[in-house]
N, C-alpha and C. Protein backbone atom coordinates (compact mmCIF):
# COMPACT_ATOMS: atom_id res chain seq x y z
N MET A 1 9.95 -15.29 -20.39
CA MET A 1 11.03 -15.36 -19.90
C MET A 1 11.02 -15.81 -18.33
N LEU A 2 11.85 -16.47 -17.91
CA LEU A 2 12.29 -17.34 -16.09
C LEU A 2 13.27 -16.10 -15.19
N VAL A 3 11.81 -16.00 -14.14
CA VAL A 3 13.08 -15.83 -12.94
C VAL A 3 14.81 -16.02 -13.47
N SER A 4 15.26 -16.69 -13.13
CA SER A 4 16.62 -16.75 -13.55
C SER A 4 17.49 -16.38 -14.21
N ASP A 5 16.73 -16.49 -14.84
CA ASP A 5 16.46 -16.05 -16.74
C ASP A 5 17.21 -14.46 -16.40
N LEU A 6 16.53 -13.24 -15.70
CA LEU A 6 17.19 -11.65 -15.08
C LEU A 6 18.45 -11.49 -14.56
N THR A 7 17.91 -10.51 -14.85
CA THR A 7 19.54 -10.29 -13.72
C THR A 7 19.04 -9.25 -12.20
N VAL A 8 20.22 -9.03 -11.42
CA VAL A 8 19.74 -8.82 -10.05
C VAL A 8 19.27 -7.77 -10.09
N GLU A 9 19.50 -6.48 -11.44
CA GLU A 9 19.03 -5.17 -11.41
C GLU A 9 17.39 -5.25 -11.87
N GLU A 10 17.48 -6.31 -13.26
CA GLU A 10 16.51 -6.57 -13.91
C GLU A 10 15.09 -7.29 -12.92
N LEU A 11 15.94 -7.62 -12.16
CA LEU A 11 14.92 -8.60 -11.13
C LEU A 11 14.19 -6.76 -10.10
N LYS A 12 15.16 -6.71 -9.61
CA LYS A 12 14.56 -5.21 -8.52
C LYS A 12 14.08 -4.86 -9.45
N LEU A 13 14.42 -4.43 -10.92
CA LEU A 13 13.32 -3.02 -11.33
C LEU A 13 11.61 -3.95 -10.59
N LEU A 14 12.32 -5.14 -12.18
CA LEU A 14 11.01 -6.18 -11.62
C LEU A 14 9.86 -6.05 -10.72
N ILE A 15 10.53 -6.37 -8.99
CA ILE A 15 9.73 -6.41 -7.91
C ILE A 15 9.19 -4.10 -7.35
N ARG A 16 10.42 -3.68 -8.08
CA ARG A 16 9.27 -2.18 -7.50
C ARG A 16 8.49 -1.65 -8.76
N GLU A 17 8.68 -1.89 -9.42
CA GLU A 17 7.55 -1.74 -10.98
C GLU A 17 5.93 -3.08 -10.00
N THR A 18 6.29 -3.99 -9.51
CA THR A 18 5.24 -5.29 -9.12
C THR A 18 4.68 -3.80 -7.97
N VAL A 19 5.61 -3.93 -6.39
CA VAL A 19 5.56 -3.13 -5.04
C VAL A 19 3.93 -1.59 -5.81
N SER A 20 4.85 -1.29 -6.62
CA SER A 20 4.72 0.23 -8.02
C SER A 20 2.84 -0.26 -7.75
N GLU A 21 2.80 -0.87 -8.43
CA GLU A 21 1.37 -0.99 -9.40
C GLU A 21 0.34 -1.54 -7.77
N MET A 22 1.01 -2.36 -7.01
CA MET A 22 0.21 -3.16 -6.02
C MET A 22 0.05 -1.91 -4.70
N PHE A 23 0.71 -0.87 -5.00
CA PHE A 23 0.18 0.45 -4.05
C PHE A 23 -0.77 1.21 -4.78
N ASP A 24 -0.58 1.59 -6.42
CA ASP A 24 -1.69 2.38 -6.85
C ASP A 24 -2.60 1.73 -7.38
N SER A 25 -3.24 -0.04 -6.86
CA SER A 25 -4.16 -0.28 -7.01
C SER A 25 -4.43 0.19 -5.72
N MET A 26 -3.69 -0.58 -5.46
CA MET A 26 -4.98 0.45 -3.29
C MET A 26 -5.04 0.95 -2.64
N LEU A 27 -4.58 2.08 -3.08
CA LEU A 27 -4.39 3.84 -3.36
C LEU A 27 -6.15 3.76 -3.69
N SER A 28 -6.22 2.99 -5.17
CA SER A 28 -7.72 3.33 -6.18
C SER A 28 -8.90 3.13 -5.00
N GLU A 29 -9.00 2.00 -4.99
CA GLU A 29 -9.48 1.69 -3.64
C GLU A 29 -9.89 2.30 -2.83
N ILE A 30 -8.82 1.78 -2.11
CA ILE A 30 -9.02 2.94 -0.59
C ILE A 30 -10.53 4.14 -0.94
N GLU A 31 -9.52 5.30 -2.55
CA GLU A 31 -10.32 6.56 -2.23
C GLU A 31 -11.32 6.07 -3.05
N SER A 32 -11.95 4.76 -3.42
CA SER A 32 -13.15 4.57 -4.38
C SER A 32 -14.12 4.86 -2.91
N ILE A 33 -13.23 4.87 -1.95
CA ILE A 33 -14.24 4.55 -0.39
C ILE A 33 -14.02 5.24 0.52
N ASP A 34 -13.81 6.73 0.10
CA ASP A 34 -13.32 7.46 1.44
C ASP A 34 -14.02 8.77 0.52
N PRO A 35 -14.99 8.53 1.65
CA PRO A 35 -15.84 10.32 1.89
C PRO A 35 -15.15 11.16 1.30
N ASP A 36 -13.66 11.79 2.26
CA ASP A 36 -13.39 12.68 2.05
C ASP A 36 -11.80 12.88 0.77
N ALA A 37 -12.02 11.70 -0.21
CA ALA A 37 -10.99 11.60 -1.41
C ALA A 37 -11.19 12.54 -2.05
N GLY A 38 -9.77 13.08 -1.52
CA GLY A 38 -9.58 14.44 -2.91
C GLY A 38 -10.13 15.55 -2.26
N LYS A 39 -10.31 15.81 -0.67
CA LYS A 39 -10.73 17.14 -0.29
C LYS A 39 -9.35 18.08 0.61
N THR A 40 -8.95 19.20 0.19
CA THR A 40 -8.49 19.03 1.10
C THR A 40 -8.44 19.99 2.46
N LEU A 41 -7.24 19.72 2.90
CA LEU A 41 -6.71 20.97 5.24
C LEU A 41 -6.91 21.82 5.18
N LYS A 42 -8.06 22.28 5.84
CA LYS A 42 -8.01 23.60 6.23
C LYS A 42 -6.50 23.94 6.65
N ALA A 43 -6.36 25.04 6.59
CA ALA A 43 -4.45 25.49 6.49
C ALA A 43 -4.15 25.57 8.24
N GLU A 44 -5.26 25.98 8.50
CA GLU A 44 -5.00 25.43 10.74
C GLU A 44 -4.93 24.99 11.16
N PHE A 45 -5.63 24.32 9.86
CA PHE A 45 -5.62 21.92 10.90
C PHE A 45 -4.34 22.03 10.58
N VAL A 46 -3.97 22.18 9.54
CA VAL A 46 -2.52 21.18 9.13
C VAL A 46 -1.07 22.23 10.26
N THR A 47 -1.37 23.94 10.41
CA THR A 47 -0.30 23.96 11.15
C THR A 47 -0.13 24.02 12.05
N GLU A 48 -2.13 23.10 12.91
CA GLU A 48 -1.52 23.02 14.30
C GLU A 48 -0.43 21.10 14.29
N LEU A 49 -1.12 20.45 13.37
CA LEU A 49 -0.32 19.57 12.97
C LEU A 49 0.86 19.81 12.58
N LEU A 50 1.28 20.59 12.24
CA LEU A 50 3.28 20.60 11.75
C LEU A 50 3.39 21.24 13.20
N GLU A 51 2.68 22.12 15.06
CA GLU A 51 3.14 22.87 15.57
C GLU A 51 3.46 20.99 15.80
N SER A 52 2.47 20.40 16.38
CA SER A 52 1.98 19.20 17.28
C SER A 52 3.30 18.51 17.12
N PHE A 53 3.39 18.67 15.37
CA PHE A 53 4.86 17.40 15.44
C PHE A 53 6.07 17.99 15.80
N LYS A 54 6.27 18.59 15.54
CA LYS A 54 7.34 19.61 16.11
C LYS A 54 7.77 19.57 17.22
N ARG A 55 6.08 19.84 18.16
CA ARG A 55 6.36 19.75 19.65
C ARG A 55 7.03 17.58 20.55
N THR A 56 6.24 16.78 19.53
CA THR A 56 6.52 16.01 19.80
C THR A 56 8.61 15.33 19.30
N GLN A 57 9.16 15.82 18.55
CA GLN A 57 10.13 15.87 17.74
C GLN A 57 11.47 16.82 19.04
N MET A 58 10.35 17.38 19.78
CA MET A 58 11.42 17.55 20.56
C MET A 58 11.20 17.18 22.13
N GLY A 59 10.40 16.29 22.43
CA GLY A 59 10.17 15.09 23.61
C GLY A 59 8.45 15.86 24.23
N GLU A 60 8.44 16.46 23.61
CA GLU A 60 6.39 17.06 25.10
C GLU A 60 6.13 15.74 24.42
N ARG A 61 5.39 15.59 25.47
CA ARG A 61 4.06 14.28 25.49
C ARG A 61 3.00 15.19 24.61
N GLY A 62 2.23 14.36 24.59
CA GLY A 62 0.45 14.80 24.10
C GLY A 62 -0.72 14.24 25.92
N THR A 63 -1.36 14.24 25.08
CA THR A 63 -2.30 13.70 26.48
C THR A 63 -2.96 12.67 26.24
N PRO A 64 -2.09 12.17 27.60
CA PRO A 64 -2.84 10.27 27.21
C PRO A 64 -3.43 9.46 27.23
N LEU A 65 -3.78 8.72 26.39
CA LEU A 65 -4.91 8.22 25.77
C LEU A 65 -6.10 7.63 26.12
N ALA A 66 -5.76 7.26 27.22
CA ALA A 66 -6.71 6.85 28.51
C ALA A 66 -7.60 8.61 29.45
N ASP A 67 -7.16 9.80 29.45
CA ASP A 67 -6.96 11.17 29.42
C ASP A 67 -8.02 11.37 28.67
N ALA A 68 -7.61 11.13 27.68
CA ALA A 68 -8.65 11.47 26.26
C ALA A 68 -8.99 10.98 25.76
N ALA A 69 -10.16 10.02 26.04
CA ALA A 69 -10.73 8.58 26.11
C ALA A 69 -11.67 8.90 26.79
N LYS A 70 -11.58 9.63 28.15
CA LYS A 70 -12.32 9.89 29.33
C LYS A 70 -13.04 10.93 28.96
N GLU A 71 -12.34 11.65 28.18
CA GLU A 71 -12.35 13.46 28.21
C GLU A 71 -14.20 13.50 27.15
N LEU A 72 -13.43 12.32 26.08
CA LEU A 72 -14.99 12.56 25.40
C LEU A 72 -15.95 10.96 25.17
N GLY A 73 -15.61 10.25 26.52
CA GLY A 73 -16.73 9.17 27.10
C GLY A 73 -16.34 8.15 25.74
N VAL A 74 -15.47 7.84 25.69
CA VAL A 74 -15.15 6.95 25.09
C VAL A 74 -14.56 5.99 26.13
N ASP A 75 -15.25 4.42 25.65
CA ASP A 75 -14.80 3.26 26.67
C ASP A 75 -14.01 2.61 25.19
N LEU A 76 -12.69 2.40 26.37
CA LEU A 76 -11.54 1.64 25.72
C LEU A 76 -11.70 0.43 26.14
N GLY A 77 -13.01 -0.28 26.84
CA GLY A 77 -12.89 -1.79 27.28
C GLY A 77 -11.52 -2.31 27.96
């Protein structure tokens, strides 16, 4: 079958399935090398992360990158 024989909807479905397969393949590769794959986040961390996200949505700014890097002893070059 040629692509030119497909309807627009059939082509969209083919593209959707191909992209989905690629994402699945990429995620499988990542999970195989990720030492944290399959682990869950602590409830406290999830709560803190959600609160941080809400503050950001309300316009609050976090610590500037340069300040955080200095505090952690990281040279940003």
